[in-house]
C-alpha atoms as a PDB file:
ATOM      1  CA  MET A   1      -6.833  15.570   3.991  1.00  0.00           C
ATOM      2  CA  LEU A   2      -4.102  18.208   4.139  1.00  0.00           C
ATOM      3  CA  LEU A   3      -2.896  19.700   7.399  1.00  0.00           C
ATOM      4  CA  ALA A   4      -3.034  23.379   8.292  1.00  0.00           C
ATOM      5  CA  GLU A   5       0.131  25.208   9.285  1.00  0.00           C
ATOM      6  CA  GLY A   6       1.526  23.801  12.527  1.00  0.00           C
ATOM      7  CA  GLN A   7      -0.709  20.723  12.575  1.00  0.00           C
ATOM      8  CA  THR A   8       0.877  17.288  12.920  1.00  0.00           C
ATOM      9  CA  GLU A   9      -0.380  13.867  11.894  1.00  0.00           C
ATOM     10  CA  THR A  10       1.037  10.626  13.278  1.00  0.00           C
ATOM     11  CA  GLY A  11      -0.214   7.372  11.806  1.00  0.00           C
ATOM     12  CA  LEU A  12       0.397   3.631  11.824  1.00  0.00           C
ATOM     13  CA  PHE A  13      -1.190   1.477   9.122  1.00  0.00           C
ATOM     14  CA  ASN A  14      -0.994  -2.276   9.756  1.00  0.00           C
ATOM     15  CA  ASN A  15      -1.521  -4.597   6.789  1.00  0.00           C
ATOM     16  CA  PHE A  16      -1.756  -8.396   7.034  1.00  0.00           C
ATOM     17  CA  TYR A  17      -1.754 -10.211   3.688  1.00  0.00           C
ATOM     18  CA  THR A  18      -2.241 -13.975   3.861  1.00  0.00           C
ATOM     19  CA  GLN A  19      -2.666 -16.635   1.184  1.00  0.00           C
ATOM     20  CA  LYS A  20      -2.653 -20.380   0.616  1.00  0.00           C
ATOM     21  CA  GLY A  21      -1.972 -20.060  -3.091  1.00  0.00           C
ATOM     22  CA  PHE A  22      -1.581 -17.751  -6.079  1.00  0.00           C
ATOM     23  CA  ARG A  23      -2.891 -17.472  -9.634  1.00  0.00           C
ATOM     24  CA  ASP A  24      -0.594 -18.351 -12.521  1.00  0.00           C
ATOM     25  CA  GLY A  25      -0.255 -16.746 -15.952  1.00  0.00           C
ATOM     26  CA  SER A  26      -3.569 -18.275 -17.007  1.00  0.00           C
ATOM     27  CA  GLY A  27      -5.371 -16.997 -13.938  1.00  0.00           C
ATOM     28  CA  GLU A  28      -5.682 -20.514 -12.495  1.00  0.00           C
ATOM     29  CA  PHE A  29      -5.324 -21.035  -8.756  1.00  0.00           C
ATOM     30  CA  VAL A  30      -2.161 -22.844  -7.621  1.00  0.00           C
ATOM     31  CA  ASP A  31      -2.178 -24.302  -4.104  1.00  0.00           C
ATOM     32  CA  VAL A  32       1.155 -23.787  -2.314  1.00  0.00           C
ATOM     33  CA  MET A  33       0.278 -26.236   0.506  1.00  0.00           C
ATOM     34  CA  GLU A  34       1.188 -23.729   3.238  1.00  0.00           C
ATOM     35  CA  ARG A  35       0.065 -20.436   4.733  1.00  0.00           C
ATOM     36  CA  GLN A  36       2.106 -17.482   3.495  1.00  0.00           C
ATOM     37  CA  THR A  37       1.631 -14.330   5.551  1.00  0.00           C
ATOM     38  CA  TYR A  38       3.170 -10.892   5.113  1.00  0.00           C
ATOM     39  CA  TYR A  39       2.885  -8.086   7.631  1.00  0.00           C
ATOM     40  CA  THR A  40       3.585  -4.467   6.739  1.00  0.00           C
ATOM     41  CA  GLY A  41       3.558  -1.680   9.296  1.00  0.00           C
ATOM     42  CA  ILE A  42       3.863   1.807   7.783  1.00  0.00           C
ATOM     43  CA  PHE A  43       4.607   4.554  10.290  1.00  0.00           C
ATOM     44  CA  GLN A  44       3.963   8.053   8.962  1.00  0.00           C
ATOM     45  CA  PHE A  45       4.543  11.509  10.381  1.00  0.00           C
ATOM     46  CA  ASN A  46       3.302  14.596   8.524  1.00  0.00           C
ATOM     47  CA  TYR A  47       3.526  18.315   9.296  1.00  0.00           C
ATOM     48  CA  GLY A  48       1.559  21.227   7.830  1.00  0.00           C
ATOM     49  CA  ILE A  49       3.775  24.094   6.683  1.00  0.00           C
ATOM     50  CA  SER A  50       1.436  26.394   4.713  1.00  0.00           C
ATOM     51  CA  GLU A  51      -1.201  28.791   6.016  1.00  0.00           C
ATOM     52  CA  ASN A  52      -3.845  27.688   3.518  1.00  0.00           C
ATOM     53  CA  ALA A  53      -3.306  23.932   4.115  1.00  0.00           C
ATOM     54  CA  ARG A  54      -1.817  23.321   0.674  1.00  0.00           C
ATOM     55  CA  PHE A  55       1.544  21.734   1.501  1.00  0.00           C
ATOM     56  CA  ASN A  56       2.653  19.063   3.988  1.00  0.00           C
ATOM     57  CA  LEU A  57       6.040  17.464   4.671  1.00  0.00           C
ATOM     58  CA  GLY A  58       6.645  14.134   6.365  1.00  0.00           C
ATOM     59  CA  PHE A  59       8.509  10.851   6.460  1.00  0.00           C
ATOM     60  CA  ASP A  60       7.726   7.122   6.413  1.00  0.00           C
ATOM     61  CA  VAL A  61       9.264   4.116   8.153  1.00  0.00           C
ATOM     62  CA  ASN A  62       8.314   0.622   6.941  1.00  0.00           C
ATOM     63  CA  LEU A  63       8.505  -2.513   9.088  1.00  0.00           C
ATOM     64  CA  GLN A  64       7.854  -5.817   7.310  1.00  0.00           C
ATOM     65  CA  SER A  65       7.691  -9.444   8.343  1.00  0.00           C
ATOM     66  CA  VAL A  66       7.092 -12.703   6.466  1.00  0.00           C
ATOM     67  CA  ARG A  67       6.196 -16.188   7.663  1.00  0.00           C
ATOM     68  CA  LEU A  68       5.809 -19.299   5.477  1.00  0.00           C
ATOM     69  CA  ASP A  69       3.974 -21.760   7.701  1.00  0.00           C
ATOM     70  CA  PRO A  70       3.832 -25.443   6.618  1.00  0.00           C
ATOM     71  CA  ASP A  71       0.518 -25.683   8.513  1.00  0.00           C
ATOM     72  CA  ALA A  72      -1.918 -24.154   6.031  1.00  0.00           C
ATOM     73  CA  GLU A  73      -4.581 -23.891   8.741  1.00  0.00           C
ATOM     74  CA  SER A  74      -2.371 -21.946  11.133  1.00  0.00           C
ATOM     75  CA  SER A  75      -3.202 -18.427  12.267  1.00  0.00           C
ATOM     76  CA  MET A  76      -1.931 -15.568  10.149  1.00  0.00           C
ATOM     77  CA  PHE A  77      -1.112 -13.716  13.375  1.00  0.00           C
ATOM     78  CA  ARG A  78       1.860 -16.033  13.927  1.00  0.00           C
ATOM     79  CA  VAL A  79       3.726 -13.571  11.726  1.00  0.00           C
ATOM     80  CA  LEU A  80       3.691 -11.220  14.733  1.00  0.00           C
ATOM     81  CA  ARG A  81       6.149 -13.486  16.511  1.00  0.00           C
ATOM     82  CA  PHE A  82       8.761 -11.654  14.392  1.00  0.00           C
ATOM     83  CA  GLU A  83      11.005 -14.724  14.298  1.00  0.00           C
ATOM     84  CA  ASP A  84      14.338 -14.938  12.493  1.00  0.00           C
ATOM     85  CA  VAL A  85      14.315 -18.539  11.241  1.00  0.00           C
ATOM     86  CA  PRO A  86      14.659 -20.164   7.786  1.00  0.00           C
ATOM     87  CA  TYR A  87      10.921 -19.735   7.059  1.00  0.00           C
ATOM     88  CA  ALA A  88      10.359 -16.318   8.678  1.00  0.00           C
ATOM     89  CA  ARG A  89      12.141 -13.003   9.082  1.00  0.00           C
ATOM     90  CA  THR A  90      11.533  -9.354   9.974  1.00  0.00           C
ATOM     91  CA  ALA A  91      13.263  -6.060   9.179  1.00  0.00           C
ATOM     92  CA  ILE A  92      12.819  -2.344   8.818  1.00  0.00           C
ATOM     93  CA  THR A  93      12.823  -2.381   5.031  1.00  0.00           C
ATOM     94  CA  GLY A  94      12.603   1.242   3.978  1.00  0.00           C
ATOM     95  CA  ILE A  95      12.570   4.848   5.134  1.00  0.00           C
ATOM     96  CA  GLY A  96      12.122   8.090   3.279  1.00  0.00           C
ATOM     97  CA  PRO A  97      10.537  11.523   2.890  1.00  0.00           C
ATOM     98  CA  ARG A  98       6.988  12.286   1.794  1.00  0.00           C
ATOM     99  CA  VAL A  99       5.326  15.440   0.475  1.00  0.00           C
ATOM    100  CA  LYS A 100       1.614  16.039   0.034  1.00  0.00           C
ATOM    101  CA  PHE A 101       0.144  19.084  -1.669  1.00  0.00           C
ATOM    102  CA  ARG A 102      -2.858  20.571  -3.443  1.00  0.00           C
ATOM    103  CA  PRO A 103      -1.530  21.809  -6.811  1.00  0.00           C
ATOM    104  CA  VAL A 104      -4.535  24.015  -7.650  1.00  0.00           C
ATOM    105  CA  ASP A 105      -6.053  25.966  -4.779  1.00  0.00           C
ATOM    106  CA  LYS A 106      -9.582  26.080  -6.216  1.00  0.00           C
ATOM    107  CA  TRP A 107      -9.602  22.301  -6.754  1.00  0.00           C
ATOM    108  CA  SER A 108     -10.206  21.494  -3.106  1.00  0.00           C
ATOM    109  CA  GLY A 109     -10.953  17.839  -3.825  1.00  0.00           C
ATOM    110  CA  PHE A 110      -7.700  17.116  -5.677  1.00  0.00           C
ATOM    111  CA  SER A 111      -4.353  16.459  -3.994  1.00  0.00           C
ATOM    112  CA  VAL A 112      -1.053  14.705  -4.685  1.00  0.00           C
ATOM    113  CA  SER A 113       1.260  12.697  -2.437  1.00  0.00           C
ATOM    114  CA  SER A 114       4.809  11.652  -3.340  1.00  0.00           C
ATOM    115  CA  ALA A 115       7.127   9.475  -1.250  1.00  0.00           C
ATOM    116  CA  PHE A 116      10.623   8.141  -1.900  1.00  0.00           C
ATOM    117  CA  TRP A 117      11.649   5.076   0.115  1.00  0.00           C
ATOM    118  CA  ILE A 118      15.269   4.043   0.520  1.00  0.00           C
ATOM    119  CA  PRO A 119      15.862   0.308   1.164  1.00  0.00           C
ATOM    120  CA  VAL A 120      17.798  -0.208   4.397  1.00  0.00           C
ATOM    121  CA  ALA A 121      17.782  -4.001   4.893  1.00  0.00           C
ATOM    122  CA  ASP A 122      19.889  -6.583   3.060  1.00  0.00           C
ATOM    123  CA  SER A 123      18.891  -9.419   0.713  1.00  0.00           C
ATOM    124  CA  MET A 124      15.174  -8.681   1.000  1.00  0.00           C
ATOM    125  CA  GLU A 125      14.274 -10.535  -2.207  1.00  0.00           C
ATOM    126  CA  GLN A 126      15.982 -13.766  -1.142  1.00  0.00           C
ATOM    127  CA  TYR A 127      14.101 -16.656   0.490  1.00  0.00           C
ATOM    128  CA  PRO A 128      11.806 -16.067   2.164  1.00  0.00           C
ATOM    129  CA  PHE A 129      10.898 -12.992   0.106  1.00  0.00           C
ATOM    130  CA  LEU A 130      10.409 -10.073   2.486  1.00  0.00           C
ATOM    131  CA  ALA A 131      10.113  -6.949   0.317  1.00  0.00           C
ATOM    132  CA  TRP A 132      11.348  -5.401  -2.905  1.00  0.00           C
ATOM    133  CA  ASP A 133      15.069  -4.673  -2.501  1.00  0.00           C
ATOM    134  CA  ARG A 134      14.840  -1.529  -4.620  1.00  0.00           C
ATOM    135  CA  PHE A 135      14.335   2.217  -4.376  1.00  0.00           C
ATOM    136  CA  THR A 136      10.621   3.046  -4.379  1.00  0.00           C
ATOM    137  CA  TRP A 137       9.047   6.236  -5.709  1.00  0.00           C
ATOM    138  CA  TRP A 138       5.327   6.248  -4.901  1.00  0.00           C
ATOM    139  CA  ASN A 139       3.132   8.968  -6.435  1.00  0.00           C
ATOM    140  CA  GLN A 140      -0.544   9.110  -5.471  1.00  0.00           C
ATOM    141  CA  PHE A 141      -3.230  11.296  -7.061  1.00  0.00           C
ATOM    142  CA  PHE A 142      -6.397  11.738  -4.985  1.00  0.00           C
ATOM    143  CA  TYR A 143      -9.824  13.085  -5.922  1.00  0.00           C
ATOM    144  CA  ASP A 144     -12.719  13.452  -3.494  1.00  0.00           C
ATOM    145  CA  GLN A 145     -16.265  14.272  -4.664  1.00  0.00           C
ATOM    146  CA  LYS A 146     -19.406  14.818  -2.605  1.00  0.00           C
ATOM    147  CA  LEU A 147     -22.406  12.869  -3.977  1.00  0.00           C
ATOM    148  CA  THR A 148     -25.128  13.497  -1.390  1.00  0.00           C
ATOM    149  CA  GLU A 149     -25.297  14.864   2.134  1.00  0.00           C
ATOM    150  CA  ASN A 150     -23.976  11.582   3.549  1.00  0.00           C
ATOM    151  CA  THR A 151     -22.118   9.897   0.666  1.00  0.00           C
ATOM    152  CA  ARG A 152     -18.837  10.680  -1.085  1.00  0.00           C
ATOM    153  CA  LEU A 153     -16.790   9.145  -3.895  1.00  0.00           C
ATOM    154  CA  PHE A 154     -13.032   8.949  -3.480  1.00  0.00           C
ATOM    155  CA  ALA A 155     -10.703   8.006  -6.347  1.00  0.00           C
ATOM    156  CA  GLU A 156      -6.970   7.331  -6.352  1.00  0.00           C
ATOM    157  CA  THR A 157      -4.520   6.650  -9.173  1.00  0.00           C
ATOM    158  CA  ASP A 158      -0.894   5.784  -8.447  1.00  0.00           C
ATOM    159  CA  LEU A 159       2.424   5.726 -10.270  1.00  0.00           C
ATOM    160  CA  LEU A 160       4.584   3.327  -8.276  1.00  0.00           C
ATOM    161  CA  PHE A 161       8.167   2.925  -9.492  1.00  0.00           C
ATOM    162  CA  ARG A 162      10.724   0.489  -8.083  1.00  0.00           C
ATOM    163  CA  PHE A 163      14.243   1.278  -9.297  1.00  0.00           C
ATOM    164  CA  PRO A 164      17.239  -1.104  -9.159  1.00  0.00           C
ATOM    165  CA  ARG A 165      19.434  -1.059  -6.098  1.00  0.00           C
ATOM    166  CA  CYS A 166      21.937  -3.577  -7.484  1.00  0.00           C
ATOM    167  CA  SER A 167      23.164  -4.534 -10.937  1.00  0.00           C
ATOM    168  CA  GLY A 168      21.034  -7.106 -12.704  1.00  0.00           C
ATOM    169  CA  GLN A 169      17.777  -5.857 -11.194  1.00  0.00           C
ATOM    170  CA  SER A 170      14.950  -4.538 -13.362  1.00  0.00           C
ATOM    171  CA  THR A 171      12.722  -1.486 -12.976  1.00  0.00           C
ATOM    172  CA  ILE A 172       9.120  -2.242 -12.012  1.00  0.00           C
ATOM    173  CA  LEU A 173       6.127   0.022 -12.627  1.00  0.00           C
ATOM    174  CA  SER A 174       2.753  -0.533 -10.950  1.00  0.00           C
ATOM    175  CA  LEU A 175      -0.376   1.481 -11.819  1.00  0.00           C
ATOM    176  CA  PRO A 176      -2.946   0.896  -9.063  1.00  0.00           C
ATOM    177  CA  THR A 177      -6.332   2.587  -9.500  1.00  0.00           C
ATOM    178  CA  SER A 178      -8.774   2.591  -6.586  1.00  0.00           C
ATOM    179  CA  LEU A 179     -12.383   3.665  -6.008  1.00  0.00           C
ATOM    180  CA  PHE A 180     -14.007   4.156  -2.598  1.00  0.00           C
ATOM    181  CA  LEU A 181     -17.714   4.813  -2.006  1.00  0.00           C
ATOM    182  CA  SER A 182     -18.251   6.158   1.509  1.00  0.00           C
ATOM    183  CA  TRP A 183     -21.396   6.508   3.619  1.00  0.00           C
ATOM    184  CA  PHE A 184     -21.506   8.568   6.810  1.00  0.00           C
ATOM    185  CA  PRO A 185     -24.218   7.176   9.125  1.00  0.00           C
ATOM    186  CA  THR A 186     -23.124   9.503  11.952  1.00  0.00           C
ATOM    187  CA  ALA A 187     -20.798  12.456  12.359  1.00  0.00           C
ATOM    188  CA  LYS A 188     -18.120  10.172  13.840  1.00  0.00           C
ATOM    189  CA  SER A 189     -18.383   7.064  11.660  1.00  0.00           C
ATOM    190  CA  THR A 190     -17.747   6.095   8.045  1.00  0.00           C
ATOM    191  CA  ILE A 191     -18.569   2.870   6.215  1.00  0.00           C
ATOM    192  CA  TYR A 192     -17.150   2.269   2.754  1.00  0.00           C
ATOM    193  CA  ILE A 193     -16.699  -0.247  -0.036  1.00  0.00           C
ATOM    194  CA  MET A 194     -13.709  -0.250  -2.353  1.00  0.00           C
ATOM    195  CA  SER A 195     -12.084  -1.844  -5.368  1.00  0.00           C
ATOM    196  CA  GLN A 196      -8.553  -1.651  -6.741  1.00  0.00           C
ATOM    197  CA  TYR A 197      -7.109  -2.792 -10.059  1.00  0.00           C
ATOM    198  CA  SER A 198      -3.311  -2.879 -10.267  1.00  0.00           C
ATOM    199  CA  PRO A 199      -1.384  -3.905 -13.402  1.00  0.00           C
ATOM    200  CA  GLU A 200       2.386  -4.285 -13.168  1.00  0.00           C
ATOM    201  CA  PHE A 201       5.024  -3.759 -15.844  1.00  0.00           C
ATOM    202  CA  GLN A 202       8.696  -4.657 -15.791  1.00  0.00           C
ATOM    203  CA  ARG A 203      11.651  -3.150 -17.622  1.00  0.00           C
ATOM    204  CA  LEU A 204      14.364  -5.556 -18.698  1.00  0.00           C
ATOM    205  CA  ALA A 205      17.698  -5.066 -16.949  1.00  0.00           C
ATOM    206  CA  GLU A 206      19.389  -5.335 -20.362  1.00  0.00           C
ATOM    207  CA  GLN A 207      17.510  -3.642 -23.198  1.00  0.00           C
ATOM    208  CA  PRO A 208      17.092  -5.401 -26.575  1.00  0.00           C
ATOM    209  CA  ASP A 209      18.605  -3.876 -29.729  1.00  0.00           C
ATOM    210  CA  ASP A 210      15.509  -4.351 -31.898  1.00  0.00           C
ATOM    211  CA  GLY A 211      13.737  -1.206 -30.709  1.00  0.00           C
ATOM    212  CA  SER A 212      11.060  -3.110 -28.807  1.00  0.00           C
ATOM    213  CA  SER A 213       9.269  -1.639 -25.813  1.00  0.00           C
ATOM    214  CA  GLN A 214      11.338  -1.084 -22.693  1.00  0.00           C
ATOM    215  CA  PHE A 215       8.513  -2.270 -20.429  1.00  0.00           C
ATOM    216  CA  TYR A 216       6.474  -5.446 -20.714  1.00  0.00           C
ATOM    217  CA  TYR A 217       3.306  -6.518 -18.935  1.00  0.00           C
ATOM    218  CA  ASN A 218       4.103  -8.711 -15.939  1.00  0.00           C
ATOM    219  CA  SER A 219       1.018  -9.276 -13.768  1.00  0.00           C
ATOM    220  CA  TYR A 220      -2.138  -7.787 -12.309  1.00  0.00           C
ATOM    221  CA  PHE A 221      -4.485  -8.147  -9.374  1.00  0.00           C
ATOM    222  CA  LEU A 222      -8.001  -6.977  -8.561  1.00  0.00           C
ATOM    223  CA  GLN A 223      -9.013  -6.631  -4.937  1.00  0.00           C
ATOM    224  CA  VAL A 224     -12.402  -5.658  -3.515  1.00  0.00           C
ATOM    225  CA  GLY A 225     -13.308  -4.964   0.075  1.00  0.00           C
ATOM    226  CA  ALA A 226     -15.156  -3.074   2.760  1.00  0.00           C
ATOM    227  CA  GLY A 227     -14.030  -0.948   5.661  1.00  0.00           C
ATOM    228  CA  ALA A 228     -15.032   1.429   8.411  1.00  0.00           C
ATOM    229  CA  LYS A 229     -13.606   4.471  10.191  1.00  0.00           C
ATOM    230  CA  TYR A 230     -14.480   5.811  13.618  1.00  0.00           C
ATOM    231  CA  GLN A 231     -13.507   9.137  15.167  1.00  0.00           C
ATOM    232  CA  VAL A 232     -12.762   8.059  18.741  1.00  0.00           C
ATOM    233  CA  THR A 233     -11.840  11.587  19.878  1.00  0.00           C
ATOM    234  CA  PRO A 234     -11.459  14.894  17.993  1.00  0.00           C
ATOM    235  CA  HIS A 235      -7.808  13.910  17.436  1.00  0.00           C
ATOM    236  CA  LEU A 236      -7.843  10.079  17.204  1.00  0.00           C
ATOM    237  CA  GLN A 237      -9.265   7.997  14.341  1.00  0.00           C
ATOM    238  CA  LEU A 238      -9.365   4.217  13.893  1.00  0.00           C
ATOM    239  CA  GLU A 239      -9.851   2.432  10.563  1.00  0.00           C
ATOM    240  CA  PHE A 240     -10.492  -1.216   9.672  1.00  0.00           C
ATOM    241  CA  LEU A 241     -10.417  -2.667   6.152  1.00  0.00           C
ATOM    242  CA  TYR A 242     -10.848  -6.177   4.718  1.00  0.00           C
ATOM    243  CA  THR A 243     -10.063  -6.986   1.082  1.00  0.00           C
ATOM    244  CA  ASN A 244     -10.158 -10.088  -1.100  1.00  0.00           C
ATOM    245  CA  PHE A 245      -7.985 -10.632  -4.167  1.00  0.00           C
ATOM    246  CA  ALA A 246     -10.882 -11.621  -6.403  1.00  0.00           C
ATOM    247  CA  ALA A 247      -8.833 -11.961  -9.596  1.00  0.00           C
ATOM    248  CA  SER A 248      -5.171 -11.943 -10.550  1.00  0.00           C
ATOM    249  CA  GLN A 249      -2.552 -13.161 -13.007  1.00  0.00           C
ATOM    250  CA  ASN A 250       0.954 -14.096 -11.863  1.00  0.00           C
ATOM    251  CA  ALA A 251      -0.014 -12.639  -8.497  1.00  0.00           C
ATOM    252  CA  GLY A 252      -1.488 -13.551  -5.132  1.00  0.00           C
ATOM    253  CA  ALA A 253      -4.912 -15.006  -4.399  1.00  0.00           C
ATOM    254  CA  GLY A 254      -5.208 -14.096  -0.743  1.00  0.00           C
ATOM    255  CA  VAL A 255      -6.948 -11.623   1.532  1.00  0.00           C
ATOM    256  CA  THR A 256      -5.856  -8.648   3.615  1.00  0.00           C
ATOM    257  CA  TRP A 257      -6.822  -7.469   7.081  1.00  0.00           C
ATOM    258  CA  ASN A 258      -5.891  -3.877   7.839  1.00  0.00           C
ATOM    259  CA  LEU A 259      -5.935  -1.671  10.924  1.00  0.00           C
ATOM    260  CA  GLY A 260      -5.098   2.023  10.776  1.00  0.00           C
ATOM    261  CA  ILE A 261      -4.498   4.419  13.659  1.00  0.00           C
ATOM    262  CA  LYS A 262      -4.231   8.158  13.025  1.00  0.00           C
ATOM    263  CA  TYR A 263      -3.655  10.997  15.486  1.00  0.00           C
ATOM    264  CA  ILE A 264      -3.930  14.631  14.359  1.00  0.00           C
ATOM    265  CA  ARG A 265      -2.960  17.485  16.630  1.00  0.00           C
END
């Protein structure tokens, strides 16, 4: 959704990812004998600057926390203690501008969002891994299509680049593709199911001289889930989403719990 001129949107999306293991290069589950939990809080502010609701400007602030708990049966919400100890840490990891626009006026269901995040914390990729210590350029392409009077299909394809901040780092490219099927039982509520496939490619820090490809396949994950939205007031919306990493290679095998809060004025 794009904002009309003068409208503002303030949002906070809370993501909890927790796992007790990952899948290796063969897709086999590897138990890490602990609970690993990552919290990401993305604060967004957007402002409509065009009369026909075609162009928005905004900025993002990312807060992240990690906790590696030796007790595998512990609560994932312990990450909210925001401790600074050898097995846990917290930081504001990135900030940056965002633009969202509809490139073709007659294509009302198609829009593009582009954000550039600047890393602001130190040593984020050291133990325990907190976040990518790189510049992030996140491009999202959205398409929304009405199916029936109370169902819609929403598709998203991303180009997510992570560029080196320091020498010796590589460039990483992720290509997440997501599908959402939404049902609207009432005027205020939405129930949806979703799936996302995300392959990742990595560019070597030092390129070979044999003319081989700059990027090589690194990993992938497939997550599926279900969520709901509720319009509490004309201005306030709440969203809940649960996902499960059903398949992966050299990537996590956990689940996510997500809570979104959005206020439009």
